[in-house]
Amino acid sequence: ANWHVNRDEPDRAVPLHEEALSRFRARDDRAGIAD
């Protein structure tokens, strides 16, 4: 997702970050959630 942001494609990055957030929340990984 960050690669997409760096390529000026933030709209493609958001869904990937949201999926990552969901996975980190499911694991209660506070560092992963914060990042």
All heavy atoms as atom14 arrays in JSON, in Angstrom:
{
  "sequence": "ANWHVNRDEPDRAVPLHEEALSRFRARDDRAGIAD",
  "atom14_mask": [
    [1, 1, 1, 1, 1, 0, 0, 0, 0, 0, 0, 0, 0, 0],
    [1, 1, 1, 1, 1, 1, 1, 1, 0, 0, 0, 0, 0, 0],
    [1, 1, 1, 1, 1, 1, 1, 1, 1, 1, 1, 1, 1, 1],
    [1, 1, 1, 1, 1, 1, 1, 1, 1, 1, 0, 0, 0, 0],
    [1, 1, 1, 1, 1, 1, 1, 0, 0, 0, 0, 0, 0, 0],
    [1, 1, 1, 1, 1, 1, 1, 1, 0, 0, 0, 0, 0, 0],
    [1, 1, 1, 1, 1, 1, 1, 1, 1, 1, 1, 0, 0, 0],
    [1, 1, 1, 1, 1, 1, 1, 1, 0, 0, 0, 0, 0, 0],
    [1, 1, 1, 1, 1, 1, 1, 1, 1, 0, 0, 0, 0, 0],
    [1, 1, 1, 1, 1, 1, 1, 0, 0, 0, 0, 0, 0, 0],
    [1, 1, 1, 1, 1, 1, 1, 1, 0, 0, 0, 0, 0, 0],
    [1, 1, 1, 1, 1, 1, 1, 1, 1, 1, 1, 0, 0, 0],
    [1, 1, 1, 1, 1, 0, 0, 0, 0, 0, 0, 0, 0, 0],
    [1, 1, 1, 1, 1, 1, 1, 0, 0, 0, 0, 0, 0, 0],
    [1, 1, 1, 1, 1, 1, 1, 0, 0, 0, 0, 0, 0, 0],
    [1, 1, 1, 1, 1, 1, 1, 1, 0, 0, 0, 0, 0, 0],
    [1, 1, 1, 1, 1, 1, 1, 1, 1, 1, 0, 0, 0, 0],
    [1, 1, 1, 1, 1, 1, 1, 1, 1, 0, 0, 0, 0, 0],
    [1, 1, 1, 1, 1, 1, 1, 1, 1, 0, 0, 0, 0, 0],
    [1, 1, 1, 1, 1, 0, 0, 0, 0, 0, 0, 0, 0, 0],
    [1, 1, 1, 1, 1, 1, 1, 1, 0, 0, 0, 0, 0, 0],
    [1, 1, 1, 1, 1, 1, 0, 0, 0, 0, 0, 0, 0, 0],
    [1, 1, 1, 1, 1, 1, 1, 1, 1, 1, 1, 0, 0, 0],
    [1, 1, 1, 1, 1, 1, 1, 1, 1, 1, 1, 0, 0, 0],
    [1, 1, 1, 1, 1, 1, 1, 1, 1, 1, 1, 0, 0, 0],
    [1, 1, 1, 1, 1, 0, 0, 0, 0, 0, 0, 0, 0, 0],
    [1, 1, 1, 1, 1, 1, 1, 1, 1, 1, 1, 0, 0, 0],
    [1, 1, 1, 1, 1, 1, 1, 1, 0, 0, 0, 0, 0, 0],
    [1, 1, 1, 1, 1, 1, 1, 1, 0, 0, 0, 0, 0, 0],
    [1, 1, 1, 1, 1, 1, 1, 1, 1, 1, 1, 0, 0, 0],
    [1, 1, 1, 1, 1, 0, 0, 0, 0, 0, 0, 0, 0, 0],
    [1, 1, 1, 1, 0, 0, 0, 0, 0, 0, 0, 0, 0, 0],
    [1, 1, 1, 1, 1, 1, 1, 1, 0, 0, 0, 0, 0, 0],
    [1, 1, 1, 1, 1, 0, 0, 0, 0, 0, 0, 0, 0, 0],
    [1, 1, 1, 1, 1, 1, 1, 1, 0, 0, 0, 0, 0, 0]
  ],
  "atom14_positions": [
    [[0.83, -1.2, 0.0], [0.0, 0.0, 0.0], [0.86, 1.25, 0.0], [0.59, 2.21, -0.74], [-0.94, -0.01, 1.2], [0.0, 0.0, 0.0], [0.0, 0.0, 0.0], [0.0, 0.0, 0.0], [0.0, 0.0, 0.0], [0.0, 0.0, 0.0], [0.0, 0.0, 0.0], [0.0, 0.0, 0.0], [0.0, 0.0, 0.0], [0.0, 0.0, 0.0]],
    [[1.9, 1.26, 0.81], [2.78, 2.43, 0.87], [3.49, 2.65, -0.47], [3.73, 3.78, -0.88], [3.78, 2.29, 2.01], [4.37, 3.61, 2.4], [3.66, 4.6, 2.54], [5.68, 3.65, 2.57], [0.0, 0.0, 0.0], [0.0, 0.0, 0.0], [0.0, 0.0, 0.0], [0.0, 0.0, 0.0], [0.0, 0.0, 0.0], [0.0, 0.0, 0.0]],
    [[3.8, 1.57, -1.16], [4.38, 1.66, -2.49], [3.41, 2.42, -3.41], [3.83, 3.29, -4.18], [4.68, 0.26, -3.01], [5.25, 0.23, -4.4], [6.54, 0.49, -4.77], [4.54, -0.09, -5.6], [6.67, 0.34, -6.12], [5.46, -0.02, -6.67], [3.22, -0.45, -5.87], [5.1, -0.27, -7.98], [2.88, -0.71, -7.18], [3.8, -0.62, -8.21]],
    [[2.11, 2.11, -3.31], [1.11, 2.82, -4.11], [1.07, 4.3, -3.74], [0.96, 5.16, -4.63], [-0.28, 2.2, -3.94], [-0.46, 0.94, -4.71], [-0.45, 0.88, -6.08], [-0.66, -0.34, -4.29], [-0.65, -0.35, -6.49], [-0.77, -1.12, -5.41], [0.0, 0.0, 0.0], [0.0, 0.0, 0.0], [0.0, 0.0, 0.0], [0.0, 0.0, 0.0]],
    [[1.16, 4.6, -2.45], [1.19, 6.01, -2.03], [2.39, 6.71, -2.67], [2.26, 7.81, -3.2], [1.22, 6.14, -0.49], [1.55, 7.56, -0.07], [-0.09, 5.69, 0.11], [0.0, 0.0, 0.0], [0.0, 0.0, 0.0], [0.0, 0.0, 0.0], [0.0, 0.0, 0.0], [0.0, 0.0, 0.0], [0.0, 0.0, 0.0], [0.0, 0.0, 0.0]],
    [[3.54, 6.06, -2.62], [4.75, 6.66, -3.19], [4.66, 6.82, -4.71], [5.37, 7.65, -5.29], [5.98, 5.84, -2.82], [6.3, 5.96, -1.35], [5.98, 6.95, -0.72], [6.91, 4.93, -0.8], [0.0, 0.0, 0.0], [0.0, 0.0, 0.0], [0.0, 0.0, 0.0], [0.0, 0.0, 0.0], [0.0, 0.0, 0.0], [0.0, 0.0, 0.0]],
    [[3.81, 6.05, -5.35], [3.58, 6.17, -6.8], [2.44, 7.14, -7.11], [1.95, 7.19, -8.23], [3.29, 4.81, -7.41], [4.49, 3.88, -7.41], [4.19, 2.54, -8.07], [3.43, 2.62, -9.31], [3.95, 2.82, -10.53], [5.25, 2.99, -10.66], [3.18, 2.86, -11.59], [0.0, 0.0, 0.0], [0.0, 0.0, 0.0], [0.0, 0.0, 0.0]],
    [[2.01, 7.89, -6.1], [0.92, 8.86, -6.25], [-0.4, 8.16, -6.59], [-1.17, 8.63, -7.43], [1.27, 9.93, -7.28], [0.38, 11.16, -7.16], [-0.12, 11.41, -6.04], [0.2, 11.86, -8.16], [0.0, 0.0, 0.0], [0.0, 0.0, 0.0], [0.0, 0.0, 0.0], [0.0, 0.0, 0.0], [0.0, 0.0, 0.0], [0.0, 0.0, 0.0]],
    [[-0.63, 7.02, -5.93], [-1.86, 6.25, -6.09], [-2.48, 5.95, -4.72], [-2.74, 4.81, -4.39], [-1.58, 4.93, -6.8], [-0.94, 5.06, -8.16], [-0.45, 3.75, -8.73], [-0.24, 2.77, -7.97], [-0.25, 3.7, -9.95], [0.0, 0.0, 0.0], [0.0, 0.0, 0.0], [0.0, 0.0, 0.0], [0.0, 0.0, 0.0], [0.0, 0.0, 0.0]],
    [[-2.71, 6.99, -3.9], [-3.2, 6.74, -2.55], [-4.58, 6.07, -2.53], [-4.89, 5.33, -1.59], [-3.25, 8.12, -1.91], [-3.32, 9.07, -3.04], [-2.57, 8.42, -4.17], [0.0, 0.0, 0.0], [0.0, 0.0, 0.0], [0.0, 0.0, 0.0], [0.0, 0.0, 0.0], [0.0, 0.0, 0.0], [0.0, 0.0, 0.0], [0.0, 0.0, 0.0]],
    [[-5.37, 6.29, -3.56], [-6.69, 5.66, -3.61], [-6.59, 4.14, -3.71], [-7.47, 3.42, -3.24], [-7.51, 6.22, -4.77], [-6.8, 6.13, -6.1], [-5.58, 6.41, -6.15], [-7.44, 5.77, -7.11], [0.0, 0.0, 0.0], [0.0, 0.0, 0.0], [0.0, 0.0, 0.0], [0.0, 0.0, 0.0], [0.0, 0.0, 0.0], [0.0, 0.0, 0.0]],
    [[-5.51, 3.64, -4.28], [-5.28, 2.19, -4.35], [-4.7, 1.66, -3.04], [-4.81, 0.49, -2.73], [-4.35, 1.86, -5.51], [-5.0, 2.19, -6.86], [-4.18, 1.75, -8.01], [-4.15, 0.29, -8.05], [-3.37, -0.39, -8.87], [-2.55, 0.23, -9.69], [-3.39, -1.71, -8.85], [0.0, 0.0, 0.0], [0.0, 0.0, 0.0], [0.0, 0.0, 0.0]],
    [[-4.08, 2.54, -2.27], [-3.44, 2.15, -1.01], [-4.44, 1.96, 0.12], [-4.29, 1.06, 0.95], [-2.4, 3.18, -0.61], [0.0, 0.0, 0.0], [0.0, 0.0, 0.0], [0.0, 0.0, 0.0], [0.0, 0.0, 0.0], [0.0, 0.0, 0.0], [0.0, 0.0, 0.0], [0.0, 0.0, 0.0], [0.0, 0.0, 0.0], [0.0, 0.0, 0.0]],
    [[-5.44, 2.82, 0.17], [-6.36, 2.83, 1.32], [-7.0, 1.45, 1.57], [-6.97, 0.96, 2.71], [-7.43, 3.93, 1.17], [-8.53, 3.79, 2.21], [-6.77, 5.3, 1.29], [0.0, 0.0, 0.0], [0.0, 0.0, 0.0], [0.0, 0.0, 0.0], [0.0, 0.0, 0.0], [0.0, 0.0, 0.0], [0.0, 0.0, 0.0], [0.0, 0.0, 0.0]],
    [[-7.54, 0.76, 0.56], [-8.14, -0.55, 0.85], [-7.13, -1.57, 1.39], [-7.47, -2.4, 2.25], [-8.7, -1.02, -0.5], [-8.83, 0.2, -1.32], [-7.77, 1.15, -0.83], [0.0, 0.0, 0.0], [0.0, 0.0, 0.0], [0.0, 0.0, 0.0], [0.0, 0.0, 0.0], [0.0, 0.0, 0.0], [0.0, 0.0, 0.0], [0.0, 0.0, 0.0]],
    [[-5.9, -1.5, 0.93], [-4.87, -2.42, 1.43], [-4.54, -2.12, 2.89], [-4.4, -3.03, 3.71], [-3.62, -2.34, 0.56], [-3.79, -2.78, -0.89], [-2.55, -2.46, -1.69], [-4.11, -4.26, -0.96], [0.0, 0.0, 0.0], [0.0, 0.0, 0.0], [0.0, 0.0, 0.0], [0.0, 0.0, 0.0], [0.0, 0.0, 0.0], [0.0, 0.0, 0.0]],
    [[-4.41, -0.83, 3.21], [-4.16, -0.46, 4.6], [-5.34, -0.85, 5.49], [-5.14, -1.31, 6.62], [-3.92, 1.05, 4.73], [-2.58, 1.51, 4.25], [-1.39, 0.88, 4.58], [-2.24, 2.57, 3.47], [-0.39, 1.53, 4.03], [-0.87, 2.56, 3.35], [0.0, 0.0, 0.0], [0.0, 0.0, 0.0], [0.0, 0.0, 0.0], [0.0, 0.0, 0.0]],
    [[-6.56, -0.69, 4.98], [-7.74, -1.07, 5.76], [-7.76, -2.56, 6.04], [-8.12, -3.0, 7.14], [-9.01, -0.63, 5.05], [-9.22, 0.87, 5.09], [-10.38, 1.34, 4.24], [-10.81, 0.6, 3.33], [-10.86, 2.46, 4.5], [0.0, 0.0, 0.0], [0.0, 0.0, 0.0], [0.0, 0.0, 0.0], [0.0, 0.0, 0.0], [0.0, 0.0, 0.0]],
    [[-7.35, -3.36, 5.06], [-7.28, -4.81, 5.28], [-6.21, -5.15, 6.32], [-6.43, -5.98, 7.2], [-6.99, -5.54, 3.97], [-6.99, -7.05, 4.13], [-6.77, -7.81, 2.85], [-6.89, -7.22, 1.75], [-6.48, -9.01, 2.94], [0.0, 0.0, 0.0], [0.0, 0.0, 0.0], [0.0, 0.0, 0.0], [0.0, 0.0, 0.0], [0.0, 0.0, 0.0]],
    [[-5.07, -4.49, 6.22], [-4.01, -4.7, 7.21], [-4.5, -4.32, 8.6], [-4.27, -5.04, 9.58], [-2.77, -3.89, 6.84], [0.0, 0.0, 0.0], [0.0, 0.0, 0.0], [0.0, 0.0, 0.0], [0.0, 0.0, 0.0], [0.0, 0.0, 0.0], [0.0, 0.0, 0.0], [0.0, 0.0, 0.0], [0.0, 0.0, 0.0], [0.0, 0.0, 0.0]],
    [[-5.22, -3.19, 8.7], [-5.74, -2.75, 9.99], [-6.69, -3.78, 10.57], [-6.61, -4.1, 11.76], [-6.44, -1.4, 9.84], [-7.01, -0.79, 11.12], [-5.91, -0.54, 12.15], [-7.75, 0.5, 10.79], [0.0, 0.0, 0.0], [0.0, 0.0, 0.0], [0.0, 0.0, 0.0], [0.0, 0.0, 0.0], [0.0, 0.0, 0.0], [0.0, 0.0, 0.0]],
    [[-7.54, -4.32, 9.75], [-8.48, -5.34, 10.2], [-7.74, -6.56, 10.75], [-8.11, -7.11, 11.8], [-9.39, -5.75, 9.03], [-10.23, -6.8, 9.41], [0.0, 0.0, 0.0], [0.0, 0.0, 0.0], [0.0, 0.0, 0.0], [0.0, 0.0, 0.0], [0.0, 0.0, 0.0], [0.0, 0.0, 0.0], [0.0, 0.0, 0.0], [0.0, 0.0, 0.0]],
    [[-6.7, -6.97, 10.07], [-5.92, -8.14, 10.53], [-5.18, -7.85, 11.83], [-5.13, -8.7, 12.72], [-4.96, -8.57, 9.44], [-5.68, -9.14, 8.25], [-4.74, -9.53, 7.16], [-5.48, -9.97, 5.99], [-5.05, -10.92, 5.19], [-3.89, -11.52, 5.4], [-5.77, -11.26, 4.14], [0.0, 0.0, 0.0], [0.0, 0.0, 0.0], [0.0, 0.0, 0.0]],
    [[-4.6, -6.64, 11.95], [-3.92, -6.29, 13.2], [-4.9, -6.17, 14.35], [-4.59, -6.58, 15.47], [-3.13, -4.99, 13.04], [-1.84, -5.14, 12.29], [-1.57, -4.37, 11.17], [-0.87, -6.04, 12.7], [-0.38, -4.49, 10.48], [0.33, -6.19, 12.02], [0.57, -5.41, 10.9], [0.0, 0.0, 0.0], [0.0, 0.0, 0.0], [0.0, 0.0, 0.0]],
    [[-6.08, -5.63, 14.09], [-7.1, -5.53, 15.15], [-7.53, -6.93, 15.61], [-7.73, -7.15, 16.8], [-8.3, -4.73, 14.67], [-8.06, -3.24, 14.58], [-9.38, -2.5, 14.4], [-9.25, -1.13, 13.96], [-8.97, -0.1, 14.75], [-8.73, -0.29, 16.03], [-8.91, 1.12, 14.26], [0.0, 0.0, 0.0], [0.0, 0.0, 0.0], [0.0, 0.0, 0.0]],
    [[-7.69, -7.85, 14.68], [-8.08, -9.22, 15.02], [-7.06, -9.89, 15.93], [-7.42, -10.74, 16.75], [-8.3, -10.04, 13.76], [0.0, 0.0, 0.0], [0.0, 0.0, 0.0], [0.0, 0.0, 0.0], [0.0, 0.0, 0.0], [0.0, 0.0, 0.0], [0.0, 0.0, 0.0], [0.0, 0.0, 0.0], [0.0, 0.0, 0.0], [0.0, 0.0, 0.0]],
    [[-5.81, -9.49, 15.8], [-4.73, -10.06, 16.62], [-4.41, -9.2, 17.84], [-3.52, -9.52, 18.61], [-3.48, -10.22, 15.76], [-3.61, -11.31, 14.73], [-2.4, -11.31, 13.81], [-2.44, -12.38, 12.85], [-3.22, -12.42, 11.77], [-4.04, -11.42, 11.53], [-3.17, -13.43, 10.93], [0.0, 0.0, 0.0], [0.0, 0.0, 0.0], [0.0, 0.0, 0.0]],
    [[-5.11, -8.08, 17.98], [-4.86, -7.12, 19.05], [-3.38, -6.72, 19.1], [-2.79, -6.64, 20.17], [-5.33, -7.68, 20.4], [-5.44, -6.6, 21.46], [-5.74, -5.44, 21.1], [-5.23, -6.9, 22.65], [0.0, 0.0, 0.0], [0.0, 0.0, 0.0], [0.0, 0.0, 0.0], [0.0, 0.0, 0.0], [0.0, 0.0, 0.0], [0.0, 0.0, 0.0]],
    [[-2.83, -6.47, 17.92], [-1.42, -6.08, 17.77], [-1.36, -4.55, 17.79], [-1.52, -3.89, 16.76], [-0.88, -6.63, 16.46], [0.58, -6.3, 16.2], [1.1, -5.31, 16.77], [1.2, -7.02, 15.4], [0.0, 0.0, 0.0], [0.0, 0.0, 0.0], [0.0, 0.0, 0.0], [0.0, 0.0, 0.0], [0.0, 0.0, 0.0], [0.0, 0.0, 0.0]],
    [[-1.14, -3.98, 18.97], [-1.18, -2.52, 19.14], [-0.15, -1.8, 18.27], [-0.45, -0.76, 17.7], [-1.0, -2.15, 20.6], [-2.19, -2.55, 21.45], [-1.94, -2.26, 22.93], [-1.61, -0.89, 23.19], [-2.48, 0.05, 23.58], [-3.73, -0.28, 23.75], [-2.09, 1.28, 23.81], [0.0, 0.0, 0.0], [0.0, 0.0, 0.0], [0.0, 0.0, 0.0]],
    [[1.05, -2.34, 18.16], [2.07, -1.69, 17.34], [1.67, -1.72, 15.87], [1.81, -0.72, 15.16], [3.42, -2.37, 17.54], [0.0, 0.0, 0.0], [0.0, 0.0, 0.0], [0.0, 0.0, 0.0], [0.0, 0.0, 0.0], [0.0, 0.0, 0.0], [0.0, 0.0, 0.0], [0.0, 0.0, 0.0], [0.0, 0.0, 0.0], [0.0, 0.0, 0.0]],
    [[1.17, -2.85, 15.41], [0.72, -2.96, 14.03], [-0.46, -2.05, 13.75], [-0.53, -1.43, 12.68], [0.0, 0.0, 0.0], [0.0, 0.0, 0.0], [0.0, 0.0, 0.0], [0.0, 0.0, 0.0], [0.0, 0.0, 0.0], [0.0, 0.0, 0.0], [0.0, 0.0, 0.0], [0.0, 0.0, 0.0], [0.0, 0.0, 0.0], [0.0, 0.0, 0.0]],
    [[-1.37, -1.96, 14.7], [-2.53, -1.06, 14.55], [-2.06, 0.39, 14.45], [-2.48, 1.12, 13.56], [-3.52, -1.23, 15.72], [-4.16, -2.62, 15.69], [-4.58, -0.15, 15.7], [-4.91, -2.99, 16.96], [0.0, 0.0, 0.0], [0.0, 0.0, 0.0], [0.0, 0.0, 0.0], [0.0, 0.0, 0.0], [0.0, 0.0, 0.0], [0.0, 0.0, 0.0]],
    [[-1.17, 0.79, 15.34], [-0.69, 2.18, 15.35], [0.04, 2.52, 14.05], [-0.2, 3.57, 13.45], [0.23, 2.41, 16.55], [0.0, 0.0, 0.0], [0.0, 0.0, 0.0], [0.0, 0.0, 0.0], [0.0, 0.0, 0.0], [0.0, 0.0, 0.0], [0.0, 0.0, 0.0], [0.0, 0.0, 0.0], [0.0, 0.0, 0.0], [0.0, 0.0, 0.0]],
    [[0.91, 1.62, 13.58], [1.63, 1.86, 12.33], [0.65, 1.98, 11.16], [0.78, 2.86, 10.31], [2.63, 0.74, 12.05], [3.85, 0.8, 12.92], [4.12, 1.86, 13.52], [4.55, -0.23, 13.0], [0.0, 0.0, 0.0], [0.0, 0.0, 0.0], [0.0, 0.0, 0.0], [0.0, 0.0, 0.0], [0.0, 0.0, 0.0], [0.0, 0.0, 0.0]]
  ]
}
